[in-house]
């Protein structure tokens, strides 16, 4: 298949059809409910980290980078002994955090920031494609289904146009409709040798944060795309070949609605677990209970003696004693990973793993 000319944004067709607006209302309602609830959680980092871990795993799985929660947990605890796949997933999570910090600091999302995010994902500095020959193939048949733009100058021109579309409001098009357009355009530009899919999925949530539809990066479409993978690729291709934007936009909006509802439920379960464990520790270990301790126990799946030592400003011996007491009471499970002992918050781990 020869290279298709990729039009600049904005699209020249009507995007806000009756069917799109109907699904848009549902997506915006679900997203607003999630944002409202997330704002009430005392320590948002707890929810952010839990959601990020699942997203990093799911987004990588779309690219056939398969790892388990156990492997990812070990990669976060001790990268030196991690599998290659687990390192890839951990890098994705680092890229998400970096992107969020950049958008928060700069109030925009630029091509240079996107290049930086992709570099973290891939752990290299290859940057924008310079060599010809990139094609997208059907996984099953090996047939070439799409040839993205070639030539560094042309790719940079398309990315510059995309950056403008992301950061400037051309019209009163709803941001969620624009998100669907942005995702399509980025994946069709396919600007990097590797990591385009994962980078594109990070751009989605950064755009939601940029447009203040979310305050924190807690909504990702990867689990939805995994469940509807063939439809995702079919509808992407339909825009390329028939300019059929309506079905694609409805697909993305339905994904936002479905994922927002799922994340809202997860947020409530995590919040309930935090409250339940707080009450139990206060009752059974009143001498070591503090809000700061609870925050540290739920910040990640795991904690280390040094985290408690620094987080609570206590001696190493005291921190070790706290963790030992929590393990004896069944709140934590420890194991030796690498050279140090890691204490896992098993209740949080099981809750997130079975989401």
C-alpha atoms as a PDB file:
ATOM      1  CA  UNK A   1       0.000   0.000   0.000  1.00  0.00           C
ATOM      2  CA  UNK A   2       1.442   3.392  -0.975  1.00  0.00           C
ATOM      3  CA  UNK A   3       1.896   6.183   1.516  1.00  0.00           C
ATOM      4  CA  UNK A   4      -1.358   8.017   2.195  1.00  0.00           C
ATOM      5  CA  UNK A   5      -1.356  11.795   2.399  1.00  0.00           C
ATOM      6  CA  UNK A   6      -2.313  12.696   5.963  1.00  0.00           C
ATOM      7  CA  UNK A   7      -4.373  15.922   6.070  1.00  0.00           C
ATOM      8  CA  UNK A   8      -3.557  18.682   8.563  1.00  0.00           C
ATOM      9  CA  UNK A   9      -5.885  19.431  11.467  1.00  0.00           C
ATOM     10  CA  UNK A  10      -8.616  20.415  12.036  1.00  0.00           C
ATOM     11  CA  UNK A  11     -10.603  17.842  10.034  1.00  0.00           C
ATOM     12  CA  UNK A  12     -12.691  19.322   7.241  1.00  0.00           C
ATOM     13  CA  UNK A  13     -15.826  17.306   8.084  1.00  0.00           C
ATOM     14  CA  UNK A  14     -18.578  17.862  10.641  1.00  0.00           C
ATOM     15  CA  UNK A  15     -17.540  16.179  13.912  1.00  0.00           C
ATOM     16  CA  UNK A  16     -20.422  17.053  16.216  1.00  0.00           C
ATOM     17  CA  UNK A  17     -23.087  14.800  14.745  1.00  0.00           C
ATOM     18  CA  UNK A  18     -26.230  13.921  16.685  1.00  0.00           C
ATOM     19  CA  UNK A  19     -24.882  10.456  17.567  1.00  0.00           C
ATOM     20  CA  UNK A  20     -21.542  11.912  18.723  1.00  0.00           C
ATOM     21  CA  UNK A  21     -23.226  14.525  20.925  1.00  0.00           C
ATOM     22  CA  UNK A  22     -25.412  11.845  22.530  1.00  0.00           C
ATOM     23  CA  UNK A  23     -22.351   9.778  23.540  1.00  0.00           C
ATOM     24  CA  UNK A  24     -20.432  12.947  24.464  1.00  0.00           C
ATOM     25  CA  UNK A  25     -23.006  13.821  27.146  1.00  0.00           C
ATOM     26  CA  UNK A  26     -22.566  10.388  28.759  1.00  0.00           C
ATOM     27  CA  UNK A  27     -18.752  10.607  28.656  1.00  0.00           C
ATOM     28  CA  UNK A  28     -18.658  14.105  30.159  1.00  0.00           C
ATOM     29  CA  UNK A  29     -21.069  13.092  32.935  1.00  0.00           C
ATOM     30  CA  UNK A  30     -18.979  10.023  33.905  1.00  0.00           C
ATOM     31  CA  UNK A  31     -15.741  12.020  33.767  1.00  0.00           C
ATOM     32  CA  UNK A  32     -17.160  14.829  35.933  1.00  0.00           C
ATOM     33  CA  UNK A  33     -18.317  12.291  38.525  1.00  0.00           C
ATOM     34  CA  UNK A  34     -14.838  10.738  38.648  1.00  0.00           C
ATOM     35  CA  UNK A  35     -13.131  14.130  38.943  1.00  0.00           C
ATOM     36  CA  UNK A  36     -15.509  15.197  41.714  1.00  0.00           C
ATOM     37  CA  UNK A  37     -14.912  12.040  43.744  1.00  0.00           C
ATOM     38  CA  UNK A  38     -11.146  12.051  43.199  1.00  0.00           C
ATOM     39  CA  UNK A  39     -11.039  15.603  44.553  1.00  0.00           C
ATOM     40  CA  UNK A  40     -12.402  14.369  47.906  1.00  0.00           C
ATOM     41  CA  UNK A  41      -9.681  11.733  48.441  1.00  0.00           C
ATOM     42  CA  UNK A  42      -7.241  12.983  51.115  1.00  0.00           C
ATOM     43  CA  UNK A  43      -4.086  11.639  49.442  1.00  0.00           C
ATOM     44  CA  UNK A  44      -4.536  11.534  45.660  1.00  0.00           C
ATOM     45  CA  UNK A  45      -1.134   9.880  45.192  1.00  0.00           C
ATOM     46  CA  UNK A  46      -2.611   6.644  46.523  1.00  0.00           C
ATOM     47  CA  UNK A  47      -5.182   6.514  43.711  1.00  0.00           C
ATOM     48  CA  UNK A  48      -2.771   7.850  41.068  1.00  0.00           C
ATOM     49  CA  UNK A  49      -0.175   5.173  41.803  1.00  0.00           C
ATOM     50  CA  UNK A  50      -2.713   2.359  41.871  1.00  0.00           C
ATOM     51  CA  UNK A  51      -4.213   3.419  38.526  1.00  0.00           C
ATOM     52  CA  UNK A  52      -0.801   4.097  36.963  1.00  0.00           C
ATOM     53  CA  UNK A  53       0.429   0.597  37.729  1.00  0.00           C
ATOM     54  CA  UNK A  54      -2.523  -1.045  35.988  1.00  0.00           C
ATOM     55  CA  UNK A  55      -2.293   1.376  33.068  1.00  0.00           C
ATOM     56  CA  UNK A  56       1.418   0.764  32.553  1.00  0.00           C
ATOM     57  CA  UNK A  57       0.751  -2.972  32.492  1.00  0.00           C
ATOM     58  CA  UNK A  58      -2.281  -2.754  30.152  1.00  0.00           C
ATOM     59  CA  UNK A  59      -0.771  -0.247  27.725  1.00  0.00           C
ATOM     60  CA  UNK A  60       2.337  -2.378  27.351  1.00  0.00           C
ATOM     61  CA  UNK A  61       0.189  -5.501  26.865  1.00  0.00           C
ATOM     62  CA  UNK A  62      -1.382  -3.882  23.774  1.00  0.00           C
ATOM     63  CA  UNK A  63       2.135  -3.869  22.290  1.00  0.00           C
ATOM     64  CA  UNK A  64       2.586  -7.542  23.305  1.00  0.00           C
ATOM     65  CA  UNK A  65       4.889  -6.592  26.200  1.00  0.00           C
ATOM     66  CA  UNK A  66       3.460  -8.989  28.746  1.00  0.00           C
ATOM     67  CA  UNK A  67       4.310  -8.902  32.428  1.00  0.00           C
ATOM     68  CA  UNK A  68       2.555  -9.794  35.680  1.00  0.00           C
ATOM     69  CA  UNK A  69       1.818  -7.622  38.691  1.00  0.00           C
ATOM     70  CA  UNK A  70       4.400  -9.695  40.583  1.00  0.00           C
ATOM     71  CA  UNK A  71       7.114  -8.964  38.015  1.00  0.00           C
ATOM     72  CA  UNK A  72       6.205  -5.283  37.946  1.00  0.00           C
ATOM     73  CA  UNK A  73       6.242  -5.140  41.733  1.00  0.00           C
ATOM     74  CA  UNK A  74       9.781  -6.568  41.704  1.00  0.00           C
ATOM     75  CA  UNK A  75      10.901  -4.177  38.963  1.00  0.00           C
ATOM     76  CA  UNK A  76       9.762  -1.232  41.080  1.00  0.00           C
ATOM     77  CA  UNK A  77      11.445  -2.674  44.163  1.00  0.00           C
ATOM     78  CA  UNK A  78      14.738  -3.703  42.550  1.00  0.00           C
ATOM     79  CA  UNK A  79      15.177  -2.897  38.849  1.00  0.00           C
ATOM     80  CA  UNK A  80      18.474  -4.783  38.572  1.00  0.00           C
ATOM     81  CA  UNK A  81      16.793  -8.189  38.861  1.00  0.00           C
ATOM     82  CA  UNK A  82      13.710  -7.363  36.750  1.00  0.00           C
ATOM     83  CA  UNK A  83      12.766  -8.973  33.442  1.00  0.00           C
ATOM     84  CA  UNK A  84      13.037  -6.906  30.266  1.00  0.00           C
ATOM     85  CA  UNK A  85       9.230  -6.724  29.974  1.00  0.00           C
ATOM     86  CA  UNK A  86       8.861  -5.548  33.574  1.00  0.00           C
ATOM     87  CA  UNK A  87      11.511  -2.857  32.980  1.00  0.00           C
ATOM     88  CA  UNK A  88       9.551  -1.696  29.911  1.00  0.00           C
ATOM     89  CA  UNK A  89       6.383  -1.394  31.989  1.00  0.00           C
ATOM     90  CA  UNK A  90       8.225   0.431  34.792  1.00  0.00           C
ATOM     91  CA  UNK A  91       9.677   2.855  32.193  1.00  0.00           C
ATOM     92  CA  UNK A  92       6.169   3.531  30.921  1.00  0.00           C
ATOM     93  CA  UNK A  93       5.043   4.464  34.420  1.00  0.00           C
ATOM     94  CA  UNK A  94       8.046   6.803  34.798  1.00  0.00           C
ATOM     95  CA  UNK A  95       7.140   8.430  31.465  1.00  0.00           C
ATOM     96  CA  UNK A  96       3.555   8.984  32.639  1.00  0.00           C
ATOM     97  CA  UNK A  97       4.717  10.744  35.795  1.00  0.00           C
ATOM     98  CA  UNK A  98       7.205  12.880  33.881  1.00  0.00           C
ATOM     99  CA  UNK A  99       4.551  13.896  31.343  1.00  0.00           C
ATOM    100  CA  UNK A 100       2.148  14.844  34.131  1.00  0.00           C
ATOM    101  CA  UNK A 101       4.793  16.965  35.871  1.00  0.00           C
ATOM    102  CA  UNK A 102       5.667  18.706  32.584  1.00  0.00           C
ATOM    103  CA  UNK A 103       2.048  19.541  31.717  1.00  0.00           C
ATOM    104  CA  UNK A 104       1.389  20.772  35.250  1.00  0.00           C
ATOM    105  CA  UNK A 105       4.497  22.963  35.232  1.00  0.00           C
ATOM    106  CA  UNK A 106       4.224  24.385  31.716  1.00  0.00           C
ATOM    107  CA  UNK A 107       0.473  24.467  31.130  1.00  0.00           C
ATOM    108  CA  UNK A 108       0.861  23.079  27.607  1.00  0.00           C
ATOM    109  CA  UNK A 109       1.753  19.918  25.722  1.00  0.00           C
ATOM    110  CA  UNK A 110       4.478  20.352  23.113  1.00  0.00           C
ATOM    111  CA  UNK A 111       6.244  18.189  20.547  1.00  0.00           C
ATOM    112  CA  UNK A 112       9.473  18.374  22.589  1.00  0.00           C
ATOM    113  CA  UNK A 113       7.619  17.090  25.656  1.00  0.00           C
ATOM    114  CA  UNK A 114       6.174  14.228  23.604  1.00  0.00           C
ATOM    115  CA  UNK A 115       9.675  13.345  22.341  1.00  0.00           C
ATOM    116  CA  UNK A 116      10.924  13.349  25.947  1.00  0.00           C
ATOM    117  CA  UNK A 117       8.088  11.041  27.047  1.00  0.00           C
ATOM    118  CA  UNK A 118       8.784   8.599  24.199  1.00  0.00           C
ATOM    119  CA  UNK A 119      12.502   8.614  25.051  1.00  0.00           C
ATOM    120  CA  UNK A 120      11.719   7.534  28.618  1.00  0.00           C
ATOM    121  CA  UNK A 121       9.393   4.772  27.396  1.00  0.00           C
ATOM    122  CA  UNK A 122      11.952   3.379  24.968  1.00  0.00           C
ATOM    123  CA  UNK A 123      14.996   4.182  27.119  1.00  0.00           C
ATOM    124  CA  UNK A 124      16.778   5.707  24.112  1.00  0.00           C
ATOM    125  CA  UNK A 125      17.123   8.999  22.247  1.00  0.00           C
ATOM    126  CA  UNK A 126      16.304   7.850  18.707  1.00  0.00           C
ATOM    127  CA  UNK A 127      13.775  10.682  18.365  1.00  0.00           C
ATOM    128  CA  UNK A 128      11.639  11.329  15.284  1.00  0.00           C
ATOM    129  CA  UNK A 129      11.836   8.852  12.393  1.00  0.00           C
ATOM    130  CA  UNK A 130      14.452   9.769   9.785  1.00  0.00           C
ATOM    131  CA  UNK A 131      14.718   6.542   7.785  1.00  0.00           C
ATOM    132  CA  UNK A 132      12.049   5.434   5.265  1.00  0.00           C
ATOM    133  CA  UNK A 133      10.420   2.020   5.255  1.00  0.00           C
ATOM    134  CA  UNK A 134       8.016   2.185   8.210  1.00  0.00           C
ATOM    135  CA  UNK A 135       4.710   0.404   7.526  1.00  0.00           C
ATOM    136  CA  UNK A 136       1.874  -0.811   9.745  1.00  0.00           C
ATOM    137  CA  UNK A 137       0.847  -4.407   9.128  1.00  0.00           C
ATOM    138  CA  UNK A 138      -2.121  -6.583   9.982  1.00  0.00           C
ATOM    139  CA  UNK A 139      -0.955  -8.752  12.906  1.00  0.00           C
ATOM    140  CA  UNK A 140      -2.748 -11.805  11.568  1.00  0.00           C
ATOM    141  CA  UNK A 141      -2.011 -11.680   7.837  1.00  0.00           C
ATOM    142  CA  UNK A 142       1.151  -9.569   7.667  1.00  0.00           C
ATOM    143  CA  UNK A 143      -0.529  -7.414   5.012  1.00  0.00           C
ATOM    144  CA  UNK A 144       0.465  -3.721   4.938  1.00  0.00           C
ATOM    145  CA  UNK A 145      -2.596  -1.739   6.012  1.00  0.00           C
ATOM    146  CA  UNK A 146      -1.112   1.734   6.326  1.00  0.00           C
ATOM    147  CA  UNK A 147       2.072   3.541   5.361  1.00  0.00           C
ATOM    148  CA  UNK A 148       2.617   6.557   7.635  1.00  0.00           C
ATOM    149  CA  UNK A 149       4.232   9.791   6.402  1.00  0.00           C
ATOM    150  CA  UNK A 150       7.960   9.510   5.605  1.00  0.00           C
ATOM    151  CA  UNK A 151      10.684  12.128   5.815  1.00  0.00           C
ATOM    152  CA  UNK A 152      11.702  14.000   8.952  1.00  0.00           C
ATOM    153  CA  UNK A 153      10.658  17.419   7.616  1.00  0.00           C
ATOM    154  CA  UNK A 154       7.139  16.241   6.747  1.00  0.00           C
ATOM    155  CA  UNK A 155       6.723  14.472  10.085  1.00  0.00           C
ATOM    156  CA  UNK A 156       7.859  17.592  11.976  1.00  0.00           C
ATOM    157  CA  UNK A 157       5.401  19.736  10.003  1.00  0.00           C
ATOM    158  CA  UNK A 158       2.530  17.408  10.928  1.00  0.00           C
ATOM    159  CA  UNK A 159       3.642  17.340  14.573  1.00  0.00           C
ATOM    160  CA  UNK A 160       3.821  21.142  14.639  1.00  0.00           C
ATOM    161  CA  UNK A 161       0.249  21.276  13.347  1.00  0.00           C
ATOM    162  CA  UNK A 162      -0.796  18.719  15.982  1.00  0.00           C
ATOM    163  CA  UNK A 163       0.872  20.742  18.755  1.00  0.00           C
ATOM    164  CA  UNK A 164      -1.078  23.816  17.652  1.00  0.00           C
ATOM    165  CA  UNK A 165      -4.330  21.841  17.605  1.00  0.00           C
ATOM    166  CA  UNK A 166      -3.673  20.482  21.113  1.00  0.00           C
ATOM    167  CA  UNK A 167      -2.850  23.836  22.706  1.00  0.00           C
ATOM    168  CA  UNK A 168      -5.065  26.290  20.827  1.00  0.00           C
ATOM    169  CA  UNK A 169      -8.842  26.210  20.668  1.00  0.00           C
ATOM    170  CA  UNK A 170      -9.683  26.504  16.987  1.00  0.00           C
ATOM    171  CA  UNK A 171     -13.407  26.480  17.715  1.00  0.00           C
ATOM    172  CA  UNK A 172     -15.878  25.501  20.388  1.00  0.00           C
ATOM    173  CA  UNK A 173     -15.397  21.767  19.698  1.00  0.00           C
ATOM    174  CA  UNK A 174     -15.648  19.849  22.974  1.00  0.00           C
ATOM    175  CA  UNK A 175     -12.247  18.734  24.336  1.00  0.00           C
ATOM    176  CA  UNK A 176     -13.310  15.069  24.442  1.00  0.00           C
ATOM    177  CA  UNK A 177     -14.082  15.135  20.713  1.00  0.00           C
ATOM    178  CA  UNK A 178     -10.726  16.825  20.160  1.00  0.00           C
ATOM    179  CA  UNK A 179      -9.046  14.072  22.187  1.00  0.00           C
ATOM    180  CA  UNK A 180     -10.362  11.488  19.707  1.00  0.00           C
ATOM    181  CA  UNK A 181      -9.015  13.586  16.812  1.00  0.00           C
ATOM    182  CA  UNK A 182      -5.630  14.096  18.523  1.00  0.00           C
ATOM    183  CA  UNK A 183      -5.248  10.375  19.214  1.00  0.00           C
ATOM    184  CA  UNK A 184      -6.090   9.461  15.623  1.00  0.00           C
ATOM    185  CA  UNK A 185      -3.692  12.056  14.207  1.00  0.00           C
ATOM    186  CA  UNK A 186      -0.764  11.128  16.442  1.00  0.00           C
ATOM    187  CA  UNK A 187      -1.108   7.406  15.715  1.00  0.00           C
ATOM    188  CA  UNK A 188      -1.382   8.153  11.986  1.00  0.00           C
ATOM    189  CA  UNK A 189       1.703  10.397  11.986  1.00  0.00           C
ATOM    190  CA  UNK A 190       3.465   7.526  13.780  1.00  0.00           C
ATOM    191  CA  UNK A 191       6.471   9.784  14.377  1.00  0.00           C
ATOM    192  CA  UNK A 192       8.782   7.338  16.190  1.00  0.00           C
ATOM    193  CA  UNK A 193      10.414   4.039  15.299  1.00  0.00           C
ATOM    194  CA  UNK A 194       8.916   2.466  18.442  1.00  0.00           C
ATOM    195  CA  UNK A 195       6.609   3.394  21.312  1.00  0.00           C
ATOM    196  CA  UNK A 196       3.996   5.294  19.264  1.00  0.00           C
ATOM    197  CA  UNK A 197       1.027   3.452  20.767  1.00  0.00           C
ATOM    198  CA  UNK A 198       2.166   3.865  24.369  1.00  0.00           C
ATOM    199  CA  UNK A 199       3.138   7.513  23.816  1.00  0.00           C
ATOM    200  CA  UNK A 200      -0.237   8.203  22.193  1.00  0.00           C
ATOM    201  CA  UNK A 201      -2.096   6.732  25.158  1.00  0.00           C
ATOM    202  CA  UNK A 202      -0.120   8.941  27.558  1.00  0.00           C
ATOM    203  CA  UNK A 203      -0.989  11.989  25.423  1.00  0.00           C
ATOM    204  CA  UNK A 204      -4.693  11.161  25.969  1.00  0.00           C
ATOM    205  CA  UNK A 205      -4.593  11.566  29.744  1.00  0.00           C
ATOM    206  CA  UNK A 206      -2.202  14.532  29.626  1.00  0.00           C
ATOM    207  CA  UNK A 207      -4.707  16.299  27.381  1.00  0.00           C
ATOM    208  CA  UNK A 208      -7.495  15.660  29.924  1.00  0.00           C
ATOM    209  CA  UNK A 209      -5.294  17.191  32.638  1.00  0.00           C
ATOM    210  CA  UNK A 210      -4.312  20.096  30.351  1.00  0.00           C
ATOM    211  CA  UNK A 211      -8.000  20.891  29.715  1.00  0.00           C
ATOM    212  CA  UNK A 212      -8.734  20.570  33.469  1.00  0.00           C
ATOM    213  CA  UNK A 213     -11.196  17.737  32.914  1.00  0.00           C
ATOM    214  CA  UNK A 214      -9.090  15.849  35.470  1.00  0.00           C
ATOM    215  CA  UNK A 215      -6.760  17.207  38.146  1.00  0.00           C
ATOM    216  CA  UNK A 216      -4.602  14.100  38.199  1.00  0.00           C
ATOM    217  CA  UNK A 217      -3.659  11.389  35.670  1.00  0.00           C
ATOM    218  CA  UNK A 218      -6.193   8.740  36.652  1.00  0.00           C
ATOM    219  CA  UNK A 219      -8.067   7.837  33.465  1.00  0.00           C
ATOM    220  CA  UNK A 220      -6.595   5.596  30.792  1.00  0.00           C
ATOM    221  CA  UNK A 221      -8.163   3.825  27.826  1.00  0.00           C
ATOM    222  CA  UNK A 222      -5.746   0.892  27.606  1.00  0.00           C
ATOM    223  CA  UNK A 223      -7.968  -1.690  29.339  1.00  0.00           C
ATOM    224  CA  UNK A 224     -10.864  -0.599  27.103  1.00  0.00           C
ATOM    225  CA  UNK A 225      -8.699  -0.856  23.971  1.00  0.00           C
ATOM    226  CA  UNK A 226      -7.519  -4.346  24.996  1.00  0.00           C
ATOM    227  CA  UNK A 227     -11.148  -5.462  25.324  1.00  0.00           C
ATOM    228  CA  UNK A 228     -12.025  -3.883  21.960  1.00  0.00           C
ATOM    229  CA  UNK A 229      -8.697  -4.140  20.143  1.00  0.00           C
ATOM    230  CA  UNK A 230      -9.906  -5.239  16.691  1.00  0.00           C
ATOM    231  CA  UNK A 231     -12.527  -2.479  16.691  1.00  0.00           C
ATOM    232  CA  UNK A 232      -9.859   0.077  17.630  1.00  0.00           C
ATOM    233  CA  UNK A 233      -7.717  -0.776  14.607  1.00  0.00           C
ATOM    234  CA  UNK A 234     -10.726  -1.152  12.284  1.00  0.00           C
ATOM    235  CA  UNK A 235     -12.065   2.303  13.127  1.00  0.00           C
ATOM    236  CA  UNK A 236      -8.633   3.960  12.930  1.00  0.00           C
ATOM    237  CA  UNK A 237      -8.320   2.562   9.408  1.00  0.00           C
ATOM    238  CA  UNK A 238     -11.864   3.672   8.501  1.00  0.00           C
ATOM    239  CA  UNK A 239     -10.950   7.290   9.215  1.00  0.00           C
ATOM    240  CA  UNK A 240      -7.878   6.926   6.985  1.00  0.00           C
ATOM    241  CA  UNK A 241      -9.717   5.332   4.075  1.00  0.00           C
ATOM    242  CA  UNK A 242     -13.237   6.830   4.291  1.00  0.00           C
ATOM    243  CA  UNK A 243     -12.902   9.878   6.576  1.00  0.00           C
ATOM    244  CA  UNK A 244     -15.461   8.187   8.828  1.00  0.00           C
ATOM    245  CA  UNK A 245     -14.894  10.231  11.965  1.00  0.00           C
ATOM    246  CA  UNK A 246     -18.260   9.573  13.595  1.00  0.00           C
ATOM    247  CA  UNK A 247     -17.739   5.897  14.487  1.00  0.00           C
ATOM    248  CA  UNK A 248     -14.172   6.550  15.696  1.00  0.00           C
ATOM    249  CA  UNK A 249     -15.173   9.465  17.925  1.00  0.00           C
ATOM    250  CA  UNK A 250     -18.106   7.515  19.411  1.00  0.00           C
ATOM    251  CA  UNK A 251     -15.745   4.595  20.115  1.00  0.00           C
ATOM    252  CA  UNK A 252     -13.320   6.863  22.031  1.00  0.00           C
ATOM    253  CA  UNK A 253     -16.143   8.642  23.899  1.00  0.00           C
ATOM    254  CA  UNK A 254     -17.661   5.286  24.911  1.00  0.00           C
ATOM    255  CA  UNK A 255     -14.202   4.263  26.145  1.00  0.00           C
ATOM    256  CA  UNK A 256     -13.924   7.418  28.243  1.00  0.00           C
ATOM    257  CA  UNK A 257     -17.357   6.803  29.770  1.00  0.00           C
ATOM    258  CA  UNK A 258     -16.703   3.115  30.512  1.00  0.00           C
ATOM    259  CA  UNK A 259     -13.228   3.729  31.913  1.00  0.00           C
ATOM    260  CA  UNK A 260     -14.343   6.680  34.047  1.00  0.00           C
ATOM    261  CA  UNK A 261     -17.027   4.482  35.661  1.00  0.00           C
ATOM    262  CA  UNK A 262     -14.477   1.689  36.310  1.00  0.00           C
ATOM    263  CA  UNK A 263     -11.920   4.119  37.774  1.00  0.00           C
ATOM    264  CA  UNK A 264     -14.603   5.706  39.979  1.00  0.00           C
ATOM    265  CA  UNK A 265     -15.411   2.258  41.411  1.00  0.00           C
ATOM    266  CA  UNK A 266     -11.719   1.501  41.966  1.00  0.00           C
ATOM    267  CA  UNK A 267     -11.240   4.864  43.705  1.00  0.00           C
ATOM    268  CA  UNK A 268     -14.111   4.074  46.092  1.00  0.00           C
ATOM    269  CA  UNK A 269     -12.678   0.616  46.868  1.00  0.00           C
ATOM    270  CA  UNK A 270      -9.208   2.056  47.553  1.00  0.00           C
ATOM    271  CA  UNK A 271     -10.669   4.777  49.751  1.00  0.00           C
ATOM    272  CA  UNK A 272     -12.669   2.194  51.714  1.00  0.00           C
ATOM    273  CA  UNK A 273      -9.530   0.058  52.168  1.00  0.00           C
ATOM    274  CA  UNK A 274      -7.527   3.070  53.415  1.00  0.00           C
ATOM    275  CA  UNK A 275     -10.258   3.902  55.929  1.00  0.00           C
ATOM    276  CA  UNK A 276     -10.658   0.285  57.074  1.00  0.00           C
ATOM    277  CA  UNK A 277      -6.932  -0.253  57.575  1.00  0.00           C
ATOM    278  CA  UNK A 278      -6.640   3.097  59.390  1.00  0.00           C
ATOM    279  CA  UNK A 279      -9.301   2.025  61.893  1.00  0.00           C
ATOM    280  CA  UNK A 280      -7.738  -1.441  62.386  1.00  0.00           C
ATOM    281  CA  UNK A 281      -4.177  -0.145  62.905  1.00  0.00           C
ATOM    282  CA  UNK A 282      -5.446   2.537  65.300  1.00  0.00           C
ATOM    283  CA  UNK A 283      -7.232  -0.132  67.348  1.00  0.00           C
ATOM    284  CA  UNK A 284      -4.532  -2.818  67.310  1.00  0.00           C
ATOM    285  CA  UNK A 285      -1.323  -0.752  67.157  1.00  0.00           C
ATOM    286  CA  UNK A 286      -2.255   2.635  68.642  1.00  0.00           C
ATOM    287  CA  UNK A 287       1.364   3.496  69.541  1.00  0.00           C
ATOM    288  CA  UNK A 288       2.532   3.480  65.931  1.00  0.00           C
ATOM    289  CA  UNK A 289      -0.628   4.769  64.225  1.00  0.00           C
ATOM    290  CA  UNK A 290      -0.517   8.103  62.404  1.00  0.00           C
ATOM    291  CA  UNK A 291      -2.096   9.510  59.259  1.00  0.00           C
ATOM    292  CA  UNK A 292       1.404   9.895  57.816  1.00  0.00           C
ATOM    293  CA  UNK A 293       2.051   6.188  58.405  1.00  0.00           C
ATOM    294  CA  UNK A 294      -1.148   5.236  56.536  1.00  0.00           C
ATOM    295  CA  UNK A 295      -0.184   7.485  53.614  1.00  0.00           C
ATOM    296  CA  UNK A 296       3.220   5.788  53.401  1.00  0.00           C
ATOM    297  CA  UNK A 297       1.679   2.300  53.509  1.00  0.00           C
ATOM    298  CA  UNK A 298      -0.658   3.115  50.600  1.00  0.00           C
ATOM    299  CA  UNK A 299       1.664   5.265  48.482  1.00  0.00           C
ATOM    300  CA  UNK A 300       2.876   2.162  46.605  1.00  0.00           C
ATOM    301  CA  UNK A 301       2.167  -1.575  46.765  1.00  0.00           C
ATOM    302  CA  UNK A 302       5.218  -1.815  48.963  1.00  0.00           C
ATOM    303  CA  UNK A 303       7.374   0.105  51.389  1.00  0.00           C
ATOM    304  CA  UNK A 304      10.925  -0.123  52.720  1.00  0.00           C
ATOM    305  CA  UNK A 305      12.476   0.668  56.097  1.00  0.00           C
ATOM    306  CA  UNK A 306      14.152   3.771  54.661  1.00  0.00           C
ATOM    307  CA  UNK A 307      10.791   5.123  53.385  1.00  0.00           C
ATOM    308  CA  UNK A 308       9.307   4.917  56.896  1.00  0.00           C
ATOM    309  CA  UNK A 309      12.518   6.273  58.425  1.00  0.00           C
ATOM    310  CA  UNK A 310      12.507   9.350  56.161  1.00  0.00           C
ATOM    311  CA  UNK A 311       8.721   9.770  55.935  1.00  0.00           C
ATOM    312  CA  UNK A 312       8.183   9.776  59.696  1.00  0.00           C
ATOM    313  CA  UNK A 313      11.586  11.240  60.689  1.00  0.00           C
ATOM    314  CA  UNK A 314      12.402   8.297  62.970  1.00  0.00           C
ATOM    315  CA  UNK A 315      15.512   6.160  63.414  1.00  0.00           C
ATOM    316  CA  UNK A 316      16.085   3.115  61.221  1.00  0.00           C
ATOM    317  CA  UNK A 317      15.602   0.877  64.241  1.00  0.00           C
ATOM    318  CA  UNK A 318      12.242   2.476  65.050  1.00  0.00           C
ATOM    319  CA  UNK A 319      11.109   2.248  61.412  1.00  0.00           C
ATOM    320  CA  UNK A 320      12.074  -1.437  61.285  1.00  0.00           C
ATOM    321  CA  UNK A 321      10.143  -2.030  64.505  1.00  0.00           C
ATOM    322  CA  UNK A 322       7.023  -0.370  63.074  1.00  0.00           C
ATOM    323  CA  UNK A 323       7.113  -2.526  59.941  1.00  0.00           C
ATOM    324  CA  UNK A 324       7.781  -5.679  61.945  1.00  0.00           C
ATOM    325  CA  UNK A 325       4.747  -4.956  64.146  1.00  0.00           C
ATOM    326  CA  UNK A 326       2.560  -4.300  61.106  1.00  0.00           C
ATOM    327  CA  UNK A 327       3.695  -7.577  59.556  1.00  0.00           C
ATOM    328  CA  UNK A 328       2.991  -9.543  62.749  1.00  0.00           C
ATOM    329  CA  UNK A 329      -0.546  -8.135  62.769  1.00  0.00           C
ATOM    330  CA  UNK A 330      -1.039  -9.185  59.129  1.00  0.00           C
ATOM    331  CA  UNK A 331      -1.153  -5.726  57.554  1.00  0.00           C
ATOM    332  CA  UNK A 332       2.038  -6.297  55.546  1.00  0.00           C
ATOM    333  CA  UNK A 333       3.871  -9.241  53.988  1.00  0.00           C
ATOM    334  CA  UNK A 334       7.651  -9.021  53.611  1.00  0.00           C
ATOM    335  CA  UNK A 335      10.194 -10.677  51.350  1.00  0.00           C
ATOM    336  CA  UNK A 336      13.832 -10.179  50.466  1.00  0.00           C
ATOM    337  CA  UNK A 337      14.269  -8.645  47.003  1.00  0.00           C
ATOM    338  CA  UNK A 338      17.851  -7.968  46.033  1.00  0.00           C
ATOM    339  CA  UNK A 339      19.734  -6.765  49.091  1.00  0.00           C
ATOM    340  CA  UNK A 340      16.832  -5.402  51.106  1.00  0.00           C
ATOM    341  CA  UNK A 341      13.571  -6.443  52.687  1.00  0.00           C
ATOM    342  CA  UNK A 342      10.442  -5.164  51.007  1.00  0.00           C
ATOM    343  CA  UNK A 343       7.115  -4.903  52.854  1.00  0.00           C
ATOM    344  CA  UNK A 344       4.055  -5.352  50.661  1.00  0.00           C
ATOM    345  CA  UNK A 345       0.629  -3.883  51.410  1.00  0.00           C
ATOM    346  CA  UNK A 346      -1.083  -7.075  50.301  1.00  0.00           C
ATOM    347  CA  UNK A 347      -4.615  -5.790  50.655  1.00  0.00           C
ATOM    348  CA  UNK A 348      -3.952  -2.872  48.310  1.00  0.00           C
ATOM    349  CA  UNK A 349      -1.961  -5.139  45.975  1.00  0.00           C
ATOM    350  CA  UNK A 350      -4.769  -7.710  45.741  1.00  0.00           C
ATOM    351  CA  UNK A 351      -7.388  -5.005  45.272  1.00  0.00           C
ATOM    352  CA  UNK A 352      -5.541  -3.430  42.322  1.00  0.00           C
ATOM    353  CA  UNK A 353      -4.419  -6.738  40.813  1.00  0.00           C
ATOM    354  CA  UNK A 354      -8.002  -8.032  40.637  1.00  0.00           C
ATOM    355  CA  UNK A 355      -9.428  -4.843  39.128  1.00  0.00           C
END
